[in-house]
Amino acid sequence: MTDHNQQFDQKWIQNKQSRDELILGSNDACSLIDLGSSFLVVRQMRIVPIDKPALLTLALAAASPMMFVVLLTMPVEQLIQLVLKMLV
């Protein structure tokens, strides 16, 4: 890290740039920040890109149009019993 700080000081504070310096992978603050943020993004990746709240939202959105059909075809007492069985 000390070497990085010295190279940063020479490049940006003292304005001494070497001719053989690479544009990509340079030792400036931006490349260090980019590397750190890329590491965080990769670390937060999942094998399956869906979680429980997203899956629940999708299921509710898919089931909501069917609720009208169920309400029209089943008696209210039977619906209440079905909901109570699901909750218990």
C-alpha atoms as a PDB file:
ATOM      1  CA  MET A   1       0.000   0.000   0.000  1.00  0.00           C
ATOM      2  CA  THR A   2       2.902   2.349   0.711  1.00  0.00           C
ATOM      3  CA  ASP A   3       4.227   1.837  -2.822  1.00  0.00           C
ATOM      4  CA  HIS A   4       0.794   2.704  -4.182  1.00  0.00           C
ATOM      5  CA  ASN A   5       0.694   5.884  -2.078  1.00  0.00           C
ATOM      6  CA  GLN A   6       4.149   6.946  -3.278  1.00  0.00           C
ATOM      7  CA  GLN A   7       3.233   6.350  -6.913  1.00  0.00           C
ATOM      8  CA  PHE A   8      -0.012   8.282  -6.396  1.00  0.00           C
ATOM      9  CA  ASP A   9       1.929  11.188  -4.895  1.00  0.00           C
ATOM     10  CA  GLN A  10       4.436  11.222  -7.752  1.00  0.00           C
ATOM     11  CA  LYS A  11       1.740  11.076 -10.412  1.00  0.00           C
ATOM     12  CA  TRP A  12      -0.907  13.449  -9.060  1.00  0.00           C
ATOM     13  CA  ILE A  13       0.779  15.703  -6.486  1.00  0.00           C
ATOM     14  CA  GLN A  14       4.281  16.140  -7.916  1.00  0.00           C
ATOM     15  CA  ASN A  15       2.996  15.766 -11.494  1.00  0.00           C
ATOM     16  CA  LYS A  16       5.753  13.323 -12.488  1.00  0.00           C
ATOM     17  CA  GLN A  17       4.465  10.783 -14.974  1.00  0.00           C
ATOM     18  CA  SER A  18       6.568   8.062 -16.517  1.00  0.00           C
ATOM     19  CA  ARG A  19       6.425   7.411 -20.269  1.00  0.00           C
ATOM     20  CA  ASP A  20       5.895   3.656 -19.912  1.00  0.00           C
ATOM     21  CA  GLU A  21       2.844   4.048 -17.696  1.00  0.00           C
ATOM     22  CA  LEU A  22      -0.146   1.895 -18.638  1.00  0.00           C
ATOM     23  CA  ILE A  23      -3.549   3.501 -18.956  1.00  0.00           C
ATOM     24  CA  LEU A  24      -5.379   0.449 -17.661  1.00  0.00           C
ATOM     25  CA  GLY A  25      -4.440  -0.795 -14.250  1.00  0.00           C
ATOM     26  CA  SER A  26      -2.722   2.418 -13.274  1.00  0.00           C
ATOM     27  CA  ASN A  27      -2.040   3.168  -9.617  1.00  0.00           C
ATOM     28  CA  ASP A  28      -4.410   6.050  -9.219  1.00  0.00           C
ATOM     29  CA  ALA A  29      -7.362   6.405  -6.876  1.00  0.00           C
ATOM     30  CA  CYS A  30      -9.954   5.772  -9.568  1.00  0.00           C
ATOM     31  CA  SER A  31      -8.576   2.371 -10.522  1.00  0.00           C
ATOM     32  CA  LEU A  32      -8.385   1.381  -6.864  1.00  0.00           C
ATOM     33  CA  ILE A  33     -11.996   2.437  -6.273  1.00  0.00           C
ATOM     34  CA  ASP A  34     -13.136   0.619  -9.436  1.00  0.00           C
ATOM     35  CA  LEU A  35     -11.402  -2.541  -8.318  1.00  0.00           C
ATOM     36  CA  GLY A  36     -13.009  -2.340  -4.881  1.00  0.00           C
ATOM     37  CA  SER A  37     -16.505  -1.709  -6.231  1.00  0.00           C
ATOM     38  CA  SER A  38     -16.156  -4.544  -8.758  1.00  0.00           C
ATOM     39  CA  PHE A  39     -15.141  -6.858  -5.950  1.00  0.00           C
ATOM     40  CA  LEU A  40     -18.228  -5.880  -3.929  1.00  0.00           C
ATOM     41  CA  VAL A  41     -20.553  -6.476  -6.877  1.00  0.00           C
ATOM     42  CA  VAL A  42     -19.105  -9.927  -7.517  1.00  0.00           C
ATOM     43  CA  ARG A  43     -19.255 -10.778  -3.832  1.00  0.00           C
ATOM     44  CA  GLN A  44     -22.969  -9.879  -3.658  1.00  0.00           C
ATOM     45  CA  MET A  45     -23.886 -12.004  -6.699  1.00  0.00           C
ATOM     46  CA  ARG A  46     -26.069 -15.065  -6.186  1.00  0.00           C
ATOM     47  CA  ILE A  47     -26.332 -18.329  -8.071  1.00  0.00           C
ATOM     48  CA  VAL A  48     -30.070 -17.782  -8.558  1.00  0.00           C
ATOM     49  CA  PRO A  49     -30.868 -14.099  -9.198  1.00  0.00           C
ATOM     50  CA  ILE A  50     -34.198 -14.123  -7.354  1.00  0.00           C
ATOM     51  CA  ASP A  51     -34.950 -13.896  -3.647  1.00  0.00           C
ATOM     52  CA  LYS A  52     -38.012 -14.667  -1.518  1.00  0.00           C
ATOM     53  CA  PRO A  53     -39.648 -11.200  -1.667  1.00  0.00           C
ATOM     54  CA  ALA A  54     -39.345 -11.086  -5.470  1.00  0.00           C
ATOM     55  CA  LEU A  55     -40.724 -14.615  -5.778  1.00  0.00           C
ATOM     56  CA  LEU A  56     -43.644 -13.783  -3.470  1.00  0.00           C
ATOM     57  CA  THR A  57     -44.439 -10.638  -5.458  1.00  0.00           C
ATOM     58  CA  LEU A  58     -44.386 -12.610  -8.693  1.00  0.00           C
ATOM     59  CA  ALA A  59     -46.664 -15.298  -7.243  1.00  0.00           C
ATOM     60  CA  LEU A  60     -49.162 -12.729  -5.947  1.00  0.00           C
ATOM     61  CA  ALA A  61     -49.176 -10.885  -9.267  1.00  0.00           C
ATOM     62  CA  ALA A  62     -49.805 -14.132 -11.125  1.00  0.00           C
ATOM     63  CA  ALA A  63     -52.527 -15.304  -8.710  1.00  0.00           C
ATOM     64  CA  SER A  64     -54.459 -12.044  -8.393  1.00  0.00           C
ATOM     65  CA  PRO A  65     -56.390 -12.353 -11.695  1.00  0.00           C
ATOM     66  CA  MET A  66     -57.498 -15.865 -10.699  1.00  0.00           C
ATOM     67  CA  MET A  67     -58.966 -14.643  -7.406  1.00  0.00           C
ATOM     68  CA  PHE A  68     -62.036 -13.203  -9.172  1.00  0.00           C
ATOM     69  CA  VAL A  69     -62.790 -16.550 -10.785  1.00  0.00           C
ATOM     70  CA  VAL A  70     -62.399 -18.372  -7.468  1.00  0.00           C
ATOM     71  CA  LEU A  71     -64.650 -15.857  -5.706  1.00  0.00           C
ATOM     72  CA  LEU A  72     -67.360 -16.322  -8.333  1.00  0.00           C
ATOM     73  CA  THR A  73     -67.284 -20.124  -8.354  1.00  0.00           C
ATOM     74  CA  MET A  74     -66.881 -21.064  -4.669  1.00  0.00           C
ATOM     75  CA  PRO A  75     -69.306 -20.359  -1.800  1.00  0.00           C
ATOM     76  CA  VAL A  76     -68.101 -17.890   0.826  1.00  0.00           C
ATOM     77  CA  GLU A  77     -68.218 -20.450   3.650  1.00  0.00           C
ATOM     78  CA  GLN A  78     -65.989 -22.827   1.729  1.00  0.00           C
ATOM     79  CA  LEU A  79     -63.515 -20.011   0.972  1.00  0.00           C
ATOM     80  CA  ILE A  80     -63.327 -19.066   4.651  1.00  0.00           C
ATOM     81  CA  GLN A  81     -62.686 -22.690   5.626  1.00  0.00           C
ATOM     82  CA  LEU A  82     -59.965 -22.958   2.974  1.00  0.00           C
ATOM     83  CA  VAL A  83     -58.242 -19.782   4.188  1.00  0.00           C
ATOM     84  CA  LEU A  84     -58.420 -20.908   7.815  1.00  0.00           C
ATOM     85  CA  LYS A  85     -56.897 -24.285   6.916  1.00  0.00           C
ATOM     86  CA  MET A  86     -54.044 -22.499   5.123  1.00  0.00           C
ATOM     87  CA  LEU A  87     -53.361 -20.266   8.128  1.00  0.00           C
ATOM     88  CA  VAL A  88     -53.376 -23.084  10.691  1.00  0.00           C
END
